[in-house]
PDB file of N, CA and C in Angstrom:
ATOM      1  N   MET A   1     -85.529 -66.928  46.312  1.00  0.00           N
ATOM      2  CA  MET A   1     -86.505 -65.849  46.003  1.00  0.00           C
ATOM      3  C   MET A   1     -87.094 -65.380  47.432  1.00  0.00           C
ATOM      4  N   VAL A   2     -87.185 -64.045  47.651  1.00  0.00           N
ATOM      5  CA  VAL A   2     -88.113 -63.379  48.612  1.00  0.00           C
ATOM      6  C   VAL A   2     -89.463 -63.161  48.220  1.00  0.00           C
ATOM      7  N   ILE A   3     -90.233 -63.522  49.177  1.00  0.00           N
ATOM      8  CA  ILE A   3     -91.658 -63.058  48.826  1.00  0.00           C
ATOM      9  C   ILE A   3     -91.954 -62.028  49.415  1.00  0.00           C
ATOM     10  N   PRO A   4     -92.429 -61.032  48.591  1.00  0.00           N
ATOM     11  CA  PRO A   4     -93.038 -59.962  49.264  1.00  0.00           C
ATOM     12  C   PRO A   4     -94.039 -59.889  50.306  1.00  0.00           C
ATOM     13  N   THR A   5     -93.768 -59.225  51.721  1.00  0.00           N
ATOM     14  CA  THR A   5     -94.589 -59.312  52.758  1.00  0.00           C
ATOM     15  C   THR A   5     -95.991 -59.374  52.306  1.00  0.00           C
ATOM     16  N   HIS A   6     -96.359 -58.274  51.339  1.00  0.00           N
ATOM     17  CA  HIS A   6     -98.045 -58.340  51.204  1.00  0.00           C
ATOM     18  C   HIS A   6     -98.444 -58.866  50.211  1.00  0.00           C
ATOM     19  N   GLN A   7     -97.607 -59.741  49.866  1.00  0.00           N
ATOM     20  CA  GLN A   7     -98.130 -60.942  48.853  1.00  0.00           C
ATOM     21  C   GLN A   7     -98.021 -62.572  49.408  1.00  0.00           C
ATOM     22  N   MET A   8     -97.554 -62.317  50.793  1.00  0.00           N
ATOM     23  CA  MET A   8     -97.119 -63.599  51.282  1.00  0.00           C
ATOM     24  C   MET A   8     -98.513 -64.249  51.795  1.00  0.00           C
ATOM     25  N   LYS A   9     -98.840 -65.688  51.839  1.00  0.00           N
ATOM     26  CA  LYS A   9     -99.902 -66.191  52.294  1.00  0.00           C
ATOM     27  C   LYS A   9     -99.900 -67.334  52.993  1.00  0.00           C
ATOM     28  N   THR A  10    -100.335 -67.870  54.154  1.00  0.00           N
ATOM     29  CA  THR A  10     -99.767 -68.659  55.229  1.00  0.00           C
ATOM     30  C   THR A  10     -99.495 -70.216  54.281  1.00  0.00           C
ATOM     31  N   GLN A  11    -100.560 -70.382  53.520  1.00  0.00           N
ATOM     32  CA  GLN A  11    -100.421 -71.216  52.962  1.00  0.00           C
ATOM     33  C   GLN A  11     -99.204 -72.042  52.094  1.00  0.00           C
ATOM     34  N   GLU A  12     -98.690 -70.817  51.661  1.00  0.00           N
ATOM     35  CA  GLU A  12     -97.117 -70.923  50.993  1.00  0.00           C
ATOM     36  C   GLU A  12     -95.992 -71.100  51.628  1.00  0.00           C
ATOM     37  N   ILE A  13     -96.185 -71.036  53.357  1.00  0.00           N
ATOM     38  CA  ILE A  13     -94.981 -70.970  54.249  1.00  0.00           C
ATOM     39  C   ILE A  13     -95.043 -72.507  54.870  1.00  0.00           C
ATOM     40  N   ILE A  14     -93.693 -72.829  54.652  1.00  0.00           N
ATOM     41  CA  ILE A  14     -93.481 -74.422  55.080  1.00  0.00           C
ATOM     42  C   ILE A  14     -92.849 -74.079  56.384  1.00  0.00           C
ATOM     43  N   PRO A  15     -93.433 -74.238  57.597  1.00  0.00           N
ATOM     44  CA  PRO A  15     -92.742 -74.024  58.800  1.00  0.00           C
ATOM     45  C   PRO A  15     -91.289 -74.446  58.972  1.00  0.00           C
ATOM     46  N   SER A  16     -91.354 -75.495  58.683  1.00  0.00           N
ATOM     47  CA  SER A  16     -89.542 -76.100  58.655  1.00  0.00           C
ATOM     48  C   SER A  16     -88.770 -75.764  57.656  1.00  0.00           C
ATOM     49  N   ILE A  17     -88.957 -74.902  56.721  1.00  0.00           N
ATOM     50  CA  ILE A  17     -87.985 -74.813  55.801  1.00  0.00           C
ATOM     51  C   ILE A  17     -88.102 -73.475  55.272  1.00  0.00           C
ATOM     52  N   THR A  18     -89.476 -72.605  54.987  1.00  0.00           N
ATOM     53  CA  THR A  18     -89.113 -71.464  54.355  1.00  0.00           C
ATOM     54  C   THR A  18     -88.917 -70.293  55.362  1.00  0.00           C
ATOM     55  N   LEU A  19     -87.342 -69.870  54.964  1.00  0.00           N
ATOM     56  CA  LEU A  19     -87.026 -69.020  55.694  1.00  0.00           C
ATOM     57  C   LEU A  19     -87.189 -67.506  55.290  1.00  0.00           C
ATOM     58  N   LEU A  20     -87.672 -66.783  56.485  1.00  0.00           N
ATOM     59  CA  LEU A  20     -88.595 -65.289  56.465  1.00  0.00           C
ATOM     60  C   LEU A  20     -87.623 -64.429  57.163  1.00  0.00           C
ATOM     61  N   ASN A  21     -87.255 -63.261  56.959  1.00  0.00           N
ATOM     62  CA  ASN A  21     -86.857 -61.937  57.492  1.00  0.00           C
ATOM     63  C   ASN A  21     -87.842 -61.712  58.621  1.00  0.00           C
ATOM     64  N   ALA A  22     -87.183 -60.699  59.687  1.00  0.00           N
ATOM     65  CA  ALA A  22     -88.133 -60.331  60.952  1.00  0.00           C
ATOM     66  C   ALA A  22     -89.196 -59.711  60.324  1.00  0.00           C
ATOM     67  N   THR A  23     -89.605 -58.843  59.346  1.00  0.00           N
ATOM     68  CA  THR A  23     -90.597 -58.584  59.299  1.00  0.00           C
ATOM     69  C   THR A  23     -91.902 -59.758  58.877  1.00  0.00           C
ATOM     70  N   GLN A  24     -91.502 -60.479  57.774  1.00  0.00           N
ATOM     71  CA  GLN A  24     -92.262 -61.626  57.446  1.00  0.00           C
ATOM     72  C   GLN A  24     -92.860 -62.382  58.562  1.00  0.00           C
ATOM     73  N   LEU A  25     -91.467 -62.498  59.494  1.00  0.00           N
ATOM     74  CA  LEU A  25     -91.943 -63.699  60.630  1.00  0.00           C
ATOM     75  C   LEU A  25     -92.995 -63.050  61.294  1.00  0.00           C
ATOM     76  N   ALA A  26     -92.927 -61.738  61.574  1.00  0.00           N
ATOM     77  CA  ALA A  26     -94.050 -61.005  62.669  1.00  0.00           C
ATOM     78  C   ALA A  26     -95.030 -60.997  62.070  1.00  0.00           C
ATOM     79  N   ASN A  27     -95.343 -60.997  60.390  1.00  0.00           N
ATOM     80  CA  ASN A  27     -96.783 -61.045  60.238  1.00  0.00           C
ATOM     81  C   ASN A  27     -97.208 -62.680  60.270  1.00  0.00           C
ATOM     82  N   ILE A  28     -96.543 -63.314  60.287  1.00  0.00           N
ATOM     83  CA  ILE A  28     -96.798 -64.947  60.183  1.00  0.00           C
ATOM     84  C   ILE A  28     -97.063 -65.139  61.400  1.00  0.00           C
ATOM     85  N   LEU A  29     -96.515 -64.726  62.704  1.00  0.00           N
ATOM     86  CA  LEU A  29     -96.833 -65.007  64.061  1.00  0.00           C
ATOM     87  C   LEU A  29     -97.993 -63.912  64.704  1.00  0.00           C
ATOM     88  N   GLY A  30     -98.327 -62.848  63.923  1.00  0.00           N
ATOM     89  CA  GLY A  30     -99.620 -61.829  64.194  1.00  0.00           C
ATOM     90  C   GLY A  30     -98.945 -61.269  65.208  1.00  0.00           C
ATOM     91  N   VAL A  31     -97.556 -60.921  65.436  1.00  0.00           N
ATOM     92  CA  VAL A  31     -97.000 -59.829  66.038  1.00  0.00           C
ATOM     93  C   VAL A  31     -96.392 -58.658  65.560  1.00  0.00           C
ATOM     94  N   ASN A  32     -95.936 -57.667  66.665  1.00  0.00           N
ATOM     95  CA  ASN A  32     -95.353 -56.650  65.730  1.00  0.00           C
ATOM     96  C   ASN A  32     -93.907 -56.495  65.535  1.00  0.00           C
ATOM     97  N   ASN A  33     -93.353 -55.948  64.851  1.00  0.00           N
ATOM     98  CA  ASN A  33     -91.649 -56.005  64.524  1.00  0.00           C
ATOM     99  C   ASN A  33     -90.746 -55.994  65.658  1.00  0.00           C
ATOM    100  N   ASN A  34     -91.621 -55.427  66.463  1.00  0.00           N
ATOM    101  CA  ASN A  34     -90.695 -54.961  67.940  1.00  0.00           C
ATOM    102  C   ASN A  34     -90.731 -56.171  68.547  1.00  0.00           C
ATOM    103  N   TYR A  35     -91.622 -57.098  68.482  1.00  0.00           N
ATOM    104  CA  TYR A  35     -91.639 -58.324  69.587  1.00  0.00           C
ATOM    105  C   TYR A  35     -90.396 -59.099  68.675  1.00  0.00           C
ATOM    106  N   ILE A  36     -90.524 -59.082  67.513  1.00  0.00           N
ATOM    107  CA  ILE A  36     -89.182 -59.983  66.866  1.00  0.00           C
ATOM    108  C   ILE A  36     -87.545 -59.279  67.433  1.00  0.00           C
ATOM    109  N   THR A  37     -87.430 -57.964  67.378  1.00  0.00           N
ATOM    110  CA  THR A  37     -86.406 -57.471  68.026  1.00  0.00           C
ATOM    111  C   THR A  37     -85.941 -57.853  69.310  1.00  0.00           C
ATOM    112  N   ARG A  38     -87.472 -57.931  70.227  1.00  0.00           N
ATOM    113  CA  ARG A  38     -87.133 -58.079  71.147  1.00  0.00           C
ATOM    114  C   ARG A  38     -86.410 -59.605  71.907  1.00  0.00           C
ATOM    115  N   MET A  39     -87.183 -60.149  71.014  1.00  0.00           N
ATOM    116  CA  MET A  39     -86.578 -61.830  70.649  1.00  0.00           C
ATOM    117  C   MET A  39     -85.315 -62.009  70.764  1.00  0.00           C
ATOM    118  N   LYS A  40     -84.816 -61.311  69.528  1.00  0.00           N
ATOM    119  CA  LYS A  40     -83.391 -60.990  69.150  1.00  0.00           C
ATOM    120  C   LYS A  40     -82.529 -60.846  70.336  1.00  0.00           C
ATOM    121  N   GLN A  41     -83.176 -59.848  70.969  1.00  0.00           N
ATOM    122  CA  GLN A  41     -82.393 -58.839  72.328  1.00  0.00           C
ATOM    123  C   GLN A  41     -82.372 -59.865  73.481  1.00  0.00           C
ATOM    124  N   GLY A  42     -83.378 -60.978  73.505  1.00  0.00           N
ATOM    125  CA  GLY A  42     -83.424 -62.051  74.364  1.00  0.00           C
ATOM    126  C   GLY A  42     -82.426 -63.246  74.154  1.00  0.00           C
ATOM    127  N   GLY A  43     -81.873 -63.279  72.895  1.00  0.00           N
ATOM    128  CA  GLY A  43     -81.157 -64.518  72.434  1.00  0.00           C
ATOM    129  C   GLY A  43     -81.632 -65.263  71.392  1.00  0.00           C
ATOM    130  N   PHE A  44     -82.656 -64.740  70.869  1.00  0.00           N
ATOM    131  CA  PHE A  44     -83.111 -65.698  69.833  1.00  0.00           C
ATOM    132  C   PHE A  44     -82.230 -65.335  68.389  1.00  0.00           C
ATOM    133  N   VAL A  45     -81.555 -66.269  67.692  1.00  0.00           N
ATOM    134  CA  VAL A  45     -80.546 -65.930  66.409  1.00  0.00           C
ATOM    135  C   VAL A  45     -81.396 -65.952  65.438  1.00  0.00           C
ATOM    136  N   MET A  46     -80.874 -65.206  64.172  1.00  0.00           N
ATOM    137  CA  MET A  46     -81.409 -65.417  63.030  1.00  0.00           C
ATOM    138  C   MET A  46     -80.239 -65.093  62.146  1.00  0.00           C
ATOM    139  N   PRO A  47     -79.359 -66.371  62.069  1.00  0.00           N
ATOM    140  CA  PRO A  47     -78.119 -66.138  60.925  1.00  0.00           C
ATOM    141  C   PRO A  47     -78.707 -65.787  59.860  1.00  0.00           C
ATOM    142  N   GLY A  48     -77.987 -64.702  59.242  1.00  0.00           N
ATOM    143  CA  GLY A  48     -78.091 -64.009  57.986  1.00  0.00           C
ATOM    144  C   GLY A  48     -79.241 -63.312  57.798  1.00  0.00           C
ATOM    145  N   GLY A  49     -80.195 -62.857  59.074  1.00  0.00           N
ATOM    146  CA  GLY A  49     -81.348 -61.913  59.228  1.00  0.00           C
ATOM    147  C   GLY A  49     -82.490 -62.935  58.920  1.00  0.00           C
ATOM    148  N   ARG A  50     -82.819 -64.278  58.589  1.00  0.00           N
ATOM    149  CA  ARG A  50     -83.503 -65.245  58.303  1.00  0.00           C
ATOM    150  C   ARG A  50     -83.561 -66.245  59.354  1.00  0.00           C
ATOM    151  N   CYS A  51     -84.806 -66.630  59.452  1.00  0.00           N
ATOM    152  CA  CYS A  51     -84.819 -67.881  60.149  1.00  0.00           C
ATOM    153  C   CYS A  51     -86.553 -68.681  59.578  1.00  0.00           C
ATOM    154  N   THR A  52     -87.069 -69.881  60.314  1.00  0.00           N
ATOM    155  CA  THR A  52     -88.074 -70.249  60.013  1.00  0.00           C
ATOM    156  C   THR A  52     -89.252 -70.174  61.495  1.00  0.00           C
ATOM    157  N   VAL A  53     -90.001 -70.156  60.631  1.00  0.00           N
ATOM    158  CA  VAL A  53     -91.347 -70.212  61.801  1.00  0.00           C
ATOM    159  C   VAL A  53     -91.226 -71.075  62.840  1.00  0.00           C
ATOM    160  N   GLU A  54     -90.735 -72.528  62.652  1.00  0.00           N
ATOM    161  CA  GLU A  54     -90.427 -73.433  63.516  1.00  0.00           C
ATOM    162  C   GLU A  54     -89.355 -73.004  64.650  1.00  0.00           C
ATOM    163  N   ASP A  55     -88.294 -72.666  63.949  1.00  0.00           N
ATOM    164  CA  ASP A  55     -87.120 -71.996  64.529  1.00  0.00           C
ATOM    165  C   ASP A  55     -87.728 -71.027  65.562  1.00  0.00           C
ATOM    166  N   ALA A  56     -88.612 -70.201  65.444  1.00  0.00           N
ATOM    167  CA  ALA A  56     -89.434 -69.263  66.140  1.00  0.00           C
ATOM    168  C   ALA A  56     -90.025 -69.747  67.394  1.00  0.00           C
ATOM    169  N   LEU A  57     -91.133 -70.709  66.997  1.00  0.00           N
ATOM    170  CA  LEU A  57     -92.048 -71.548  67.744  1.00  0.00           C
ATOM    171  C   LEU A  57     -91.191 -72.209  69.001  1.00  0.00           C
ATOM    172  N   GLN A  58     -89.991 -72.795  68.305  1.00  0.00           N
ATOM    173  CA  GLN A  58     -89.372 -73.796  68.948  1.00  0.00           C
ATOM    174  C   GLN A  58     -88.684 -72.757  70.345  1.00  0.00           C
ATOM    175  N   TRP A  59     -87.905 -71.551  69.855  1.00  0.00           N
ATOM    176  CA  TRP A  59     -87.320 -70.479  70.895  1.00  0.00           C
ATOM    177  C   TRP A  59     -88.155 -70.175  71.866  1.00  0.00           C
ATOM    178  N   ARG A  60     -89.495 -69.770  71.227  1.00  0.00           N
ATOM    179  CA  ARG A  60     -90.420 -69.504  72.357  1.00  0.00           C
ATOM    180  C   ARG A  60     -91.232 -70.495  73.299  1.00  0.00           C
ATOM    181  N   LYS A  61     -90.788 -71.864  72.818  1.00  0.00           N
ATOM    182  CA  LYS A  61     -91.282 -72.922  73.936  1.00  0.00           C
ATOM    183  C   LYS A  61     -90.268 -72.835  74.725  1.00  0.00           C
ATOM    184  N   ALA A  62     -88.759 -73.075  74.594  1.00  0.00           N
ATOM    185  CA  ALA A  62     -87.769 -73.083  74.786  1.00  0.00           C
ATOM    186  C   ALA A  62     -87.639 -72.146  76.050  1.00  0.00           C
ATOM    187  N   ASN A  63     -88.149 -70.951  75.958  1.00  0.00           N
ATOM    188  CA  ASN A  63     -87.821 -69.704  76.867  1.00  0.00           C
ATOM    189  C   ASN A  63     -89.301 -69.192  77.259  1.00  0.00           C
ATOM    190  N   PRO A  64     -90.000 -70.058  77.881  1.00  0.00           N
ATOM    191  CA  PRO A  64     -91.093 -69.804  78.566  1.00  0.00           C
ATOM    192  C   PRO A  64     -91.680 -68.574  79.399  1.00  0.00           C
ATOM    193  N   LYS A  65     -90.223 -67.991  80.094  1.00  0.00           N
ATOM    194  CA  LYS A  65     -90.461 -66.719  80.896  1.00  0.00           C
ATOM    195  C   LYS A  65     -90.517 -65.664  79.882  1.00  0.00           C
ATOM    196  N   TYR A  66     -89.869 -65.598  78.649  1.00  0.00           N
ATOM    197  CA  TYR A  66     -89.700 -64.508  77.838  1.00  0.00           C
ATOM    198  C   TYR A  66     -91.429 -63.905  77.911  1.00  0.00           C
ATOM    199  N   SER A  67     -91.345 -62.764  77.724  1.00  0.00           N
ATOM    200  CA  SER A  67     -92.544 -61.963  77.981  1.00  0.00           C
ATOM    201  C   SER A  67     -92.426 -60.661  76.490  1.00  0.00           C
ATOM    202  N   ARG A  68     -93.563 -60.863  76.202  1.00  0.00           N
ATOM    203  CA  ARG A  68     -93.697 -59.685  75.155  1.00  0.00           C
ATOM    204  C   ARG A  68     -93.672 -58.187  75.603  1.00  0.00           C
TER     205      ARG A  68
END
């Protein structure tokens, strides 16, 4: 089940389990959708167009030179 972005609450997200699309991930991380697009261009992989918050945070930690 996909939670509509406007109904998503941070309490409902389990960072290591909940799969999010790019728009939902951007909302949770507090960044613009373009930031997620640039992450993907920089090598961040979203199989099936989805990933977890934990995946994104681990990628950012592993790529400290990546900039907004």
